[in-house]
Amino acid sequence: MDPTIEHFVENMGRHFEADGGARIGGRLFGYLLLQDEPRSLDELAEDLKVSKASISTNARLLEQW
């Protein structure tokens, strides 16, 4: 991942966490904001270096949010 994108994604995670949310959810949200096309579960897990289960769980939380 590009260092600038990685920095933004990590900051989004920290902001979510500071507001009582899930850090991975914030990272996922930040990452998706910067994407031009849909990403698969495998791509998201690989790019964010987390499990597919974590991506799935946090995507559902974001959807509810």
N, C-alpha and C. Protein backbone atom coordinates (compact mmCIF):
# COMPACT_ATOMS: atom_id res chain seq x y z
N MET A 1 0.85 -1.17 0.00
CA MET A 1 0.00 0.00 0.00
C MET A 1 0.90 1.24 0.00
N ASP A 2 0.50 2.23 -0.75
CA ASP A 2 1.21 3.50 -0.81
C ASP A 2 1.30 4.10 0.60
N PRO A 3 2.46 4.65 0.99
CA PRO A 3 2.61 5.19 2.34
C PRO A 3 1.60 6.29 2.70
N THR A 4 1.23 7.11 1.74
CA THR A 4 0.25 8.17 2.00
C THR A 4 -1.11 7.57 2.31
N ILE A 5 -1.50 6.57 1.54
CA ILE A 5 -2.78 5.89 1.77
C ILE A 5 -2.74 5.17 3.11
N GLU A 6 -1.65 4.49 3.38
CA GLU A 6 -1.52 3.77 4.64
C GLU A 6 -1.63 4.72 5.84
N HIS A 7 -1.02 5.88 5.74
CA HIS A 7 -1.09 6.88 6.81
C HIS A 7 -2.54 7.33 7.03
N PHE A 8 -3.25 7.61 5.94
CA PHE A 8 -4.65 8.03 6.04
C PHE A 8 -5.50 6.93 6.67
N VAL A 9 -5.32 5.71 6.21
CA VAL A 9 -6.09 4.56 6.71
C VAL A 9 -5.84 4.37 8.21
N GLU A 10 -4.59 4.46 8.62
CA GLU A 10 -4.26 4.30 10.04
C GLU A 10 -4.86 5.42 10.88
N ASN A 11 -4.83 6.64 10.36
CA ASN A 11 -5.44 7.77 11.09
C ASN A 11 -6.94 7.60 11.22
N MET A 12 -7.59 7.10 10.19
CA MET A 12 -9.03 6.85 10.28
C MET A 12 -9.31 5.81 11.36
N GLY A 13 -8.49 4.79 11.43
CA GLY A 13 -8.64 3.77 12.46
C GLY A 13 -8.51 4.36 13.85
N ARG A 14 -7.55 5.23 14.04
CA ARG A 14 -7.35 5.87 15.35
C ARG A 14 -8.51 6.78 15.72
N HIS A 15 -9.05 7.50 14.73
CA HIS A 15 -10.20 8.37 14.98
C HIS A 15 -11.42 7.56 15.40
N PHE A 16 -11.68 6.48 14.70
CA PHE A 16 -12.80 5.62 15.06
C PHE A 16 -12.63 5.09 16.47
N GLU A 17 -11.42 4.64 16.77
CA GLU A 17 -11.12 4.07 18.08
C GLU A 17 -11.30 5.12 19.18
N ALA A 18 -10.85 6.34 18.93
CA ALA A 18 -10.99 7.42 19.92
C ALA A 18 -12.46 7.75 20.19
N ASP A 19 -13.31 7.52 19.19
CA ASP A 19 -14.75 7.79 19.34
C ASP A 19 -15.51 6.57 19.86
N GLY A 20 -14.78 5.53 20.27
CA GLY A 20 -15.42 4.35 20.83
C GLY A 20 -15.75 3.26 19.82
N GLY A 21 -15.33 3.44 18.59
CA GLY A 21 -15.58 2.44 17.55
C GLY A 21 -14.43 1.46 17.44
N ALA A 22 -14.56 0.58 16.47
CA ALA A 22 -13.52 -0.42 16.22
C ALA A 22 -12.44 0.17 15.32
N ARG A 23 -11.21 0.00 15.73
CA ARG A 23 -10.09 0.52 14.93
C ARG A 23 -10.07 -0.07 13.53
N ILE A 24 -10.30 -1.37 13.41
CA ILE A 24 -10.29 -2.00 12.09
C ILE A 24 -11.44 -1.46 11.25
N GLY A 25 -12.57 -1.21 11.86
CA GLY A 25 -13.70 -0.62 11.14
C GLY A 25 -13.33 0.74 10.56
N GLY A 26 -12.61 1.54 11.32
CA GLY A 26 -12.16 2.84 10.84
C GLY A 26 -11.15 2.72 9.72
N ARG A 27 -10.26 1.74 9.85
CA ARG A 27 -9.28 1.50 8.80
C ARG A 27 -9.98 1.06 7.51
N LEU A 28 -10.95 0.17 7.66
CA LEU A 28 -11.72 -0.31 6.51
C LEU A 28 -12.46 0.84 5.84
N PHE A 29 -13.11 1.66 6.63
CA PHE A 29 -13.85 2.81 6.10
C PHE A 29 -12.91 3.75 5.34
N GLY A 30 -11.77 4.08 5.95
CA GLY A 30 -10.80 4.95 5.30
C GLY A 30 -10.27 4.37 4.00
N TYR A 31 -9.99 3.08 4.02
CA TYR A 31 -9.48 2.42 2.82
C TYR A 31 -10.52 2.45 1.70
N LEU A 32 -11.76 2.11 2.05
CA LEU A 32 -12.81 2.08 1.03
C LEU A 32 -13.10 3.46 0.45
N LEU A 33 -12.94 4.49 1.25
CA LEU A 33 -13.15 5.85 0.75
C LEU A 33 -12.22 6.18 -0.42
N LEU A 34 -11.05 5.58 -0.42
CA LEU A 34 -10.03 5.90 -1.42
C LEU A 34 -10.05 4.99 -2.64
N GLN A 35 -10.95 4.02 -2.68
CA GLN A 35 -10.97 3.05 -3.77
C GLN A 35 -11.90 3.50 -4.89
N ASP A 36 -11.45 3.31 -6.12
CA ASP A 36 -12.24 3.65 -7.30
C ASP A 36 -13.18 2.53 -7.71
N GLU A 37 -12.84 1.30 -7.33
CA GLU A 37 -13.62 0.13 -7.74
C GLU A 37 -13.86 -0.76 -6.53
N PRO A 38 -14.87 -1.62 -6.62
CA PRO A 38 -15.12 -2.56 -5.52
C PRO A 38 -13.91 -3.45 -5.25
N ARG A 39 -13.78 -3.89 -4.02
CA ARG A 39 -12.70 -4.80 -3.61
C ARG A 39 -13.31 -6.06 -3.04
N SER A 40 -12.69 -7.19 -3.30
CA SER A 40 -13.16 -8.45 -2.75
C SER A 40 -12.74 -8.56 -1.28
N LEU A 41 -13.37 -9.49 -0.60
CA LEU A 41 -13.02 -9.77 0.79
C LEU A 41 -11.54 -10.15 0.90
N ASP A 42 -11.07 -10.97 -0.01
CA ASP A 42 -9.66 -11.38 -0.02
C ASP A 42 -8.74 -10.18 -0.20
N GLU A 43 -9.09 -9.29 -1.12
CA GLU A 43 -8.25 -8.11 -1.36
C GLU A 43 -8.21 -7.20 -0.14
N LEU A 44 -9.37 -7.00 0.48
CA LEU A 44 -9.44 -6.14 1.66
C LEU A 44 -8.59 -6.72 2.79
N ALA A 45 -8.73 -8.00 3.03
CA ALA A 45 -7.97 -8.65 4.10
C ALA A 45 -6.47 -8.56 3.83
N GLU A 46 -6.08 -8.79 2.60
CA GLU A 46 -4.66 -8.73 2.25
C GLU A 46 -4.12 -7.31 2.38
N ASP A 47 -4.83 -6.34 1.83
CA ASP A 47 -4.35 -4.96 1.84
C ASP A 47 -4.29 -4.37 3.25
N LEU A 48 -5.26 -4.73 4.09
CA LEU A 48 -5.30 -4.19 5.45
C LEU A 48 -4.56 -5.07 6.45
N LYS A 49 -4.10 -6.24 5.98
CA LYS A 49 -3.35 -7.17 6.83
C LYS A 49 -4.13 -7.60 8.07
N VAL A 50 -5.40 -7.98 7.82
CA VAL A 50 -6.25 -8.52 8.88
C VAL A 50 -6.99 -9.73 8.31
N SER A 51 -7.66 -10.46 9.17
CA SER A 51 -8.37 -11.66 8.72
C SER A 51 -9.64 -11.30 7.94
N LYS A 52 -10.08 -12.24 7.13
CA LYS A 52 -11.34 -12.05 6.39
C LYS A 52 -12.50 -11.94 7.37
N ALA A 53 -12.44 -12.70 8.46
CA ALA A 53 -13.51 -12.62 9.47
C ALA A 53 -13.60 -11.22 10.06
N SER A 54 -12.47 -10.61 10.31
CA SER A 54 -12.45 -9.26 10.85
C SER A 54 -13.03 -8.26 9.85
N ILE A 55 -12.68 -8.41 8.60
CA ILE A 55 -13.23 -7.53 7.56
C ILE A 55 -14.75 -7.69 7.50
N SER A 56 -15.21 -8.92 7.49
CA SER A 56 -16.64 -9.20 7.42
C SER A 56 -17.40 -8.61 8.61
N THR A 57 -16.88 -8.84 9.80
CA THR A 57 -17.52 -8.32 11.01
C THR A 57 -17.58 -6.80 10.99
N ASN A 58 -16.47 -6.18 10.65
CA ASN A 58 -16.43 -4.72 10.66
C ASN A 58 -17.22 -4.10 9.52
N ALA A 59 -17.33 -4.77 8.40
CA ALA A 59 -18.19 -4.29 7.30
C ALA A 59 -19.65 -4.27 7.75
N ARG A 60 -20.07 -5.29 8.49
CA ARG A 60 -21.44 -5.31 9.01
C ARG A 60 -21.66 -4.18 10.01
N LEU A 61 -20.67 -3.91 10.86
CA LEU A 61 -20.78 -2.81 11.81
C LEU A 61 -20.88 -1.47 11.09
N LEU A 62 -20.08 -1.30 10.03
CA LEU A 62 -20.14 -0.05 9.26
C LEU A 62 -21.49 0.11 8.59
N GLU A 63 -22.02 -0.99 8.11
CA GLU A 63 -23.33 -0.95 7.46
C GLU A 63 -24.41 -0.48 8.44
N GLN A 64 -24.34 -0.96 9.67
CA GLN A 64 -25.30 -0.55 10.69
C GLN A 64 -25.10 0.92 11.08
N TRP A 65 -23.85 1.35 11.07
CA TRP A 65 -23.51 2.71 11.42
C TRP A 65 -24.09 3.66 10.41
